[in-house]
PDB file of all heavy atoms in Angstrom:
ATOM      1  N   LEU A   1     280.317 271.512 -32.475  1.00  0.00           N
ATOM      2  CA  LEU A   1     278.953 271.037 -32.670  1.00  0.00           C
ATOM      3  C   LEU A   1     278.552 271.138 -34.132  1.00  0.00           C
ATOM      4  O   LEU A   1     279.070 271.963 -34.875  1.00  0.00           O
ATOM      5  CB  LEU A   1     277.977 271.870 -31.833  1.00  0.00           C
ATOM      6  CG  LEU A   1     278.215 271.883 -30.331  1.00  0.00           C
ATOM      7  CD1 LEU A   1     277.272 272.869 -29.669  1.00  0.00           C
ATOM      8  CD2 LEU A   1     278.045 270.495 -29.743  1.00  0.00           C
ATOM      9  N   ASN A   2     277.614 270.296 -34.539  1.00  0.00           N
ATOM     10  CA  ASN A   2     277.034 270.387 -35.874  1.00  0.00           C
ATOM     11  C   ASN A   2     275.598 270.861 -35.722  1.00  0.00           C
ATOM     12  O   ASN A   2     274.805 270.256 -35.001  1.00  0.00           O
ATOM     13  CB  ASN A   2     277.048 269.023 -36.574  1.00  0.00           C
ATOM     14  CG  ASN A   2     278.442 268.567 -36.867  1.00  0.00           C
ATOM     15  OD1 ASN A   2     279.288 269.341 -37.270  1.00  0.00           O
ATOM     16  ND2 ASN A   2     278.700 267.282 -36.657  1.00  0.00           N
ATOM     17  N   LEU A   3     275.256 271.942 -36.380  1.00  0.00           N
ATOM     18  CA  LEU A   3     273.912 272.496 -36.332  1.00  0.00           C
ATOM     19  C   LEU A   3     273.237 272.258 -37.672  1.00  0.00           C
ATOM     20  O   LEU A   3     273.831 272.476 -38.719  1.00  0.00           O
ATOM     21  CB  LEU A   3     273.966 274.000 -36.030  1.00  0.00           C
ATOM     22  CG  LEU A   3     274.725 274.390 -34.766  1.00  0.00           C
ATOM     23  CD1 LEU A   3     274.808 275.911 -34.657  1.00  0.00           C
ATOM     24  CD2 LEU A   3     274.043 273.806 -33.540  1.00  0.00           C
ATOM     25  N   LEU A   4     271.989 271.811 -37.640  1.00  0.00           N
ATOM     26  CA  LEU A   4     271.263 271.506 -38.864  1.00  0.00           C
ATOM     27  C   LEU A   4     270.066 272.431 -39.031  1.00  0.00           C
ATOM     28  O   LEU A   4     269.399 272.773 -38.051  1.00  0.00           O
ATOM     29  CB  LEU A   4     270.748 270.063 -38.837  1.00  0.00           C
ATOM     30  CG  LEU A   4     271.789 268.963 -38.762  1.00  0.00           C
ATOM     31  CD1 LEU A   4     271.105 267.614 -38.644  1.00  0.00           C
ATOM     32  CD2 LEU A   4     272.667 268.986 -39.988  1.00  0.00           C
ATOM     33  N   SER A   5     269.781 272.772 -40.257  1.00  0.00           N
ATOM     34  CA  SER A   5     268.573 273.514 -40.595  1.00  0.00           C
ATOM     35  C   SER A   5     267.533 272.513 -41.077  1.00  0.00           C
ATOM     36  O   SER A   5     267.671 271.926 -42.152  1.00  0.00           O
ATOM     37  CB  SER A   5     268.868 274.534 -41.688  1.00  0.00           C
ATOM     38  OG  SER A   5     267.664 275.028 -42.211  1.00  0.00           O
ATOM     39  N   VAL A   6     266.488 272.316 -40.282  1.00  0.00           N
ATOM     40  CA  VAL A   6     265.427 271.380 -40.665  1.00  0.00           C
ATOM     41  C   VAL A   6     264.784 271.848 -41.966  1.00  0.00           C
ATOM     42  O   VAL A   6     264.475 271.048 -42.846  1.00  0.00           O
ATOM     43  CB  VAL A   6     264.384 271.237 -39.534  1.00  0.00           C
ATOM     44  CG1 VAL A   6     263.203 270.395 -39.979  1.00  0.00           C
ATOM     45  CG2 VAL A   6     265.030 270.633 -38.303  1.00  0.00           C
ATOM     46  N   ASN A   7     264.617 273.146 -42.124  1.00  0.00           N
ATOM     47  CA  ASN A   7     264.021 273.685 -43.345  1.00  0.00           C
ATOM     48  C   ASN A   7     264.835 273.305 -44.584  1.00  0.00           C
ATOM     49  O   ASN A   7     264.273 272.919 -45.610  1.00  0.00           O
ATOM     50  CB  ASN A   7     263.900 275.204 -43.237  1.00  0.00           C
ATOM     51  CG  ASN A   7     263.149 275.789 -44.398  1.00  0.00           C
ATOM     52  OD1 ASN A   7     262.077 275.317 -44.754  1.00  0.00           O
ATOM     53  ND2 ASN A   7     263.719 276.804 -45.013  1.00  0.00           N
ATOM     54  N   LYS A   8     266.167 273.373 -44.498  1.00  0.00           N
ATOM     55  CA  LYS A   8     267.013 272.985 -45.632  1.00  0.00           C
ATOM     56  C   LYS A   8     266.881 271.502 -45.943  1.00  0.00           C
ATOM     57  O   LYS A   8     266.840 271.103 -47.094  1.00  0.00           O
ATOM     58  CB  LYS A   8     268.481 273.303 -45.346  1.00  0.00           C
ATOM     59  CG  LYS A   8     268.899 274.684 -45.709  1.00  0.00           C
ATOM     60  CD  LYS A   8     270.406 274.789 -45.627  1.00  0.00           C
ATOM     61  CE  LYS A   8     270.871 276.141 -46.094  1.00  0.00           C
ATOM     62  NZ  LYS A   8     272.330 276.240 -46.107  1.00  0.00           N
ATOM     63  N   ILE A   9     266.823 270.676 -44.912  1.00  0.00           N
ATOM     64  CA  ILE A   9     266.696 269.231 -45.124  1.00  0.00           C
ATOM     65  C   ILE A   9     265.391 268.913 -45.836  1.00  0.00           C
ATOM     66  O   ILE A   9     265.352 268.141 -46.793  1.00  0.00           O
ATOM     67  CB  ILE A   9     266.777 268.464 -43.786  1.00  0.00           C
ATOM     68  CG1 ILE A   9     268.154 268.651 -43.152  1.00  0.00           C
ATOM     69  CG2 ILE A   9     266.475 266.978 -43.994  1.00  0.00           C
ATOM     70  CD1 ILE A   9     268.239 268.136 -41.734  1.00  0.00           C
ATOM     71  N   ILE A  10     264.310 269.513 -45.380  1.00  0.00           N
ATOM     72  CA  ILE A  10     262.990 269.258 -45.964  1.00  0.00           C
ATOM     73  C   ILE A  10     262.927 269.761 -47.405  1.00  0.00           C
ATOM     74  O   ILE A  10     262.480 269.058 -48.308  1.00  0.00           O
ATOM     75  CB  ILE A  10     261.889 269.927 -45.118  1.00  0.00           C
ATOM     76  CG1 ILE A  10     261.779 269.237 -43.760  1.00  0.00           C
ATOM     77  CG2 ILE A  10     260.549 269.897 -45.827  1.00  0.00           C
ATOM     78  CD1 ILE A  10     260.928 269.999 -42.773  1.00  0.00           C
ATOM     79  N   ALA A  11     263.388 270.981 -47.631  1.00  0.00           N
ATOM     80  CA  ALA A  11     263.260 271.605 -48.948  1.00  0.00           C
ATOM     81  C   ALA A  11     264.040 270.877 -50.030  1.00  0.00           C
ATOM     82  O   ALA A  11     263.555 270.709 -51.145  1.00  0.00           O
ATOM     83  CB  ALA A  11     263.717 273.061 -48.865  1.00  0.00           C
ATOM     84  N   LYS A  12     265.250 270.452 -49.736  1.00  0.00           N
ATOM     85  CA  LYS A  12     266.113 269.849 -50.760  1.00  0.00           C
ATOM     86  C   LYS A  12     265.936 268.344 -50.924  1.00  0.00           C
ATOM     87  O   LYS A  12     266.374 267.781 -51.906  1.00  0.00           O
ATOM     88  CB  LYS A  12     267.582 270.133 -50.436  1.00  0.00           C
ATOM     89  CG  LYS A  12     267.942 271.586 -50.458  1.00  0.00           C
ATOM     90  CD  LYS A  12     268.200 272.050 -51.863  1.00  0.00           C
ATOM     91  CE  LYS A  12     268.738 273.464 -51.849  1.00  0.00           C
ATOM     92  NZ  LYS A  12     269.177 273.901 -53.144  1.00  0.00           N
ATOM     93  N   ASN A  13     265.319 267.669 -49.942  1.00  0.00           N
ATOM     94  CA  ASN A  13     265.237 266.211 -49.978  1.00  0.00           C
ATOM     95  C   ASN A  13     263.816 265.670 -50.085  1.00  0.00           C
ATOM     96  O   ASN A  13     263.612 264.473 -50.073  1.00  0.00           O
ATOM     97  CB  ASN A  13     265.928 265.618 -48.749  1.00  0.00           C
ATOM     98  CG  ASN A  13     267.422 265.809 -48.808  1.00  0.00           C
ATOM     99  OD1 ASN A  13     268.117 265.083 -49.495  1.00  0.00           O
ATOM    100  ND2 ASN A  13     267.924 266.810 -48.096  1.00  0.00           N
ATOM    101  N   ASN A  14     262.829 266.554 -50.159  1.00  0.00           N
ATOM    102  CA  ASN A  14     261.429 266.146 -50.328  1.00  0.00           C
ATOM    103  C   ASN A  14     261.006 265.096 -49.301  1.00  0.00           C
ATOM    104  O   ASN A  14     260.547 264.008 -49.642  1.00  0.00           O
ATOM    105  CB  ASN A  14     261.191 265.631 -51.749  1.00  0.00           C
ATOM    106  CG  ASN A  14     259.715 265.539 -52.068  1.00  0.00           C
ATOM    107  OD1 ASN A  14     258.915 266.305 -51.530  1.00  0.00           O
ATOM    108  ND2 ASN A  14     259.348 264.618 -52.931  1.00  0.00           N
ATOM    109  N   ILE A  15     261.197 265.422 -48.025  1.00  0.00           N
ATOM    110  CA  ILE A  15     260.805 264.516 -46.955  1.00  0.00           C
ATOM    111  C   ILE A  15     259.928 265.244 -45.948  1.00  0.00           C
ATOM    112  O   ILE A  15     259.851 266.472 -45.938  1.00  0.00           O
ATOM    113  CB  ILE A  15     262.024 263.910 -46.228  1.00  0.00           C
ATOM    114  CG1 ILE A  15     262.845 264.998 -45.541  1.00  0.00           C
ATOM    115  CG2 ILE A  15     262.872 263.090 -47.157  1.00  0.00           C
ATOM    116  CD1 ILE A  15     263.959 264.454 -44.678  1.00  0.00           C
ATOM    117  N   LEU A  16     259.270 264.484 -45.112  1.00  0.00           N
ATOM    118  CA  LEU A  16     258.440 265.008 -44.040  1.00  0.00           C
ATOM    119  C   LEU A  16     259.126 264.675 -42.722  1.00  0.00           C
ATOM    120  O   LEU A  16     259.561 263.538 -42.514  1.00  0.00           O
ATOM    121  CB  LEU A  16     257.055 264.355 -44.080  1.00  0.00           C
ATOM    122  CG  LEU A  16     256.102 264.685 -42.952  1.00  0.00           C
ATOM    123  CD1 LEU A  16     255.698 266.154 -42.993  1.00  0.00           C
ATOM    124  CD2 LEU A  16     254.873 263.802 -43.035  1.00  0.00           C
ATOM    125  N   ILE A  17     259.240 265.651 -41.845  1.00  0.00           N
ATOM    126  CA  ILE A  17     259.828 265.440 -40.527  1.00  0.00           C
ATOM    127  C   ILE A  17     258.797 265.800 -39.475  1.00  0.00           C
ATOM    128  O   ILE A  17     258.190 266.870 -39.534  1.00  0.00           O
ATOM    129  CB  ILE A  17     261.107 266.275 -40.338  1.00  0.00           C
ATOM    130  CG1 ILE A  17     262.164 265.854 -41.359  1.00  0.00           C
ATOM    131  CG2 ILE A  17     261.649 266.111 -38.921  1.00  0.00           C
ATOM    132  CD1 ILE A  17     263.450 266.643 -41.286  1.00  0.00           C
ATOM    133  N   HIS A  18     258.598 264.886 -38.529  1.00  0.00           N
ATOM    134  CA  HIS A  18     257.624 265.097 -37.455  1.00  0.00           C
ATOM    135  C   HIS A  18     258.338 265.011 -36.113  1.00  0.00           C
ATOM    136  O   HIS A  18     259.028 264.035 -35.836  1.00  0.00           O
ATOM    137  CB  HIS A  18     256.516 264.041 -37.518  1.00  0.00           C
ATOM    138  CG  HIS A  18     255.565 264.114 -36.373  1.00  0.00           C
ATOM    139  ND1 HIS A  18     254.562 265.046 -36.305  1.00  0.00           N
ATOM    140  CD2 HIS A  18     255.486 263.389 -35.244  1.00  0.00           C
ATOM    141  CE1 HIS A  18     253.909 264.885 -35.169  1.00  0.00           C
ATOM    142  NE2 HIS A  18     254.442 263.885 -34.512  1.00  0.00           N
ATOM    143  N   PHE A  19     258.178 266.046 -35.287  1.00  0.00           N
ATOM    144  CA  PHE A  19     258.744 266.073 -33.945  1.00  0.00           C
ATOM    145  C   PHE A  19     257.631 265.916 -32.926  1.00  0.00           C
ATOM    146  O   PHE A  19     256.561 266.505 -33.073  1.00  0.00           O
ATOM    147  CB  PHE A  19     259.448 267.418 -33.671  1.00  0.00           C
ATOM    148  CG  PHE A  19     260.666 267.654 -34.489  1.00  0.00           C
ATOM    149  CD1 PHE A  19     260.596 268.340 -35.694  1.00  0.00           C
ATOM    150  CD2 PHE A  19     261.903 267.200 -34.060  1.00  0.00           C
ATOM    151  CE1 PHE A  19     261.730 268.577 -36.446  1.00  0.00           C
ATOM    152  CE2 PHE A  19     263.042 267.423 -34.805  1.00  0.00           C
ATOM    153  CZ  PHE A  19     262.950 268.110 -35.998  1.00  0.00           C
ATOM    154  N   ASP A  20     257.898 265.125 -31.891  1.00  0.00           N
ATOM    155  CA  ASP A  20     257.016 265.127 -30.718  1.00  0.00           C
ATOM    156  C   ASP A  20     257.916 265.179 -29.487  1.00  0.00           C
ATOM    157  O   ASP A  20     259.132 265.348 -29.605  1.00  0.00           O
ATOM    158  CB  ASP A  20     256.049 263.937 -30.711  1.00  0.00           C
ATOM    159  CG  ASP A  20     256.724 262.585 -30.645  1.00  0.00           C
ATOM    160  OD1 ASP A  20     257.804 262.475 -30.038  1.00  0.00           O
ATOM    161  OD2 ASP A  20     256.157 261.617 -31.177  1.00  0.00           O
ATOM    162  N   ALA A  21     257.359 265.052 -28.316  1.00  0.00           N
ATOM    163  CA  ALA A  21     258.137 265.217 -27.090  1.00  0.00           C
ATOM    164  C   ALA A  21     259.235 264.164 -26.927  1.00  0.00           C
ATOM    165  O   ALA A  21     260.239 264.416 -26.272  1.00  0.00           O
ATOM    166  CB  ALA A  21     257.214 265.181 -25.877  1.00  0.00           C
ATOM    167  N   ALA A  22     259.067 263.000 -27.543  1.00  0.00           N
ATOM    168  CA  ALA A  22     260.004 261.906 -27.328  1.00  0.00           C
ATOM    169  C   ALA A  22     260.945 261.622 -28.497  1.00  0.00           C
ATOM    170  O   ALA A  22     262.016 261.065 -28.293  1.00  0.00           O
ATOM    171  CB  ALA A  22     259.233 260.633 -26.990  1.00  0.00           C
ATOM    172  N   LYS A  23     260.554 261.989 -29.721  1.00  0.00           N
ATOM    173  CA  LYS A  23     261.382 261.576 -30.863  1.00  0.00           C
ATOM    174  C   LYS A  23     261.122 262.428 -32.106  1.00  0.00           C
ATOM    175  O   LYS A  23     260.229 263.262 -32.135  1.00  0.00           O
ATOM    176  CB  LYS A  23     261.150 260.109 -31.179  1.00  0.00           C
ATOM    177  CG  LYS A  23     259.731 259.762 -31.492  1.00  0.00           C
ATOM    178  CD  LYS A  23     259.546 258.264 -31.554  1.00  0.00           C
ATOM    179  CE  LYS A  23     258.142 257.958 -31.146  1.00  0.00           C
ATOM    180  NZ  LYS A  23     257.912 257.054 -30.118  1.00  0.00           N
ATOM    181  N   CYS A  24     261.913 262.147 -33.106  1.00  0.00           N
ATOM    182  CA  CYS A  24     261.787 262.783 -34.415  1.00  0.00           C
ATOM    183  C   CYS A  24     261.623 261.667 -35.429  1.00  0.00           C
ATOM    184  O   CYS A  24     262.377 260.703 -35.438  1.00  0.00           O
ATOM    185  CB  CYS A  24     263.042 263.600 -34.690  1.00  0.00           C
ATOM    186  SG  CYS A  24     263.156 264.206 -36.372  1.00  0.00           S
TER     187      CYS A  24
END
């Protein structure tokens, strides 16, 4: 499996990630 750290993605790439019940 590949596990991702959302915090690392946000911090290094200057993006916003929004999760809801159906999608990201």
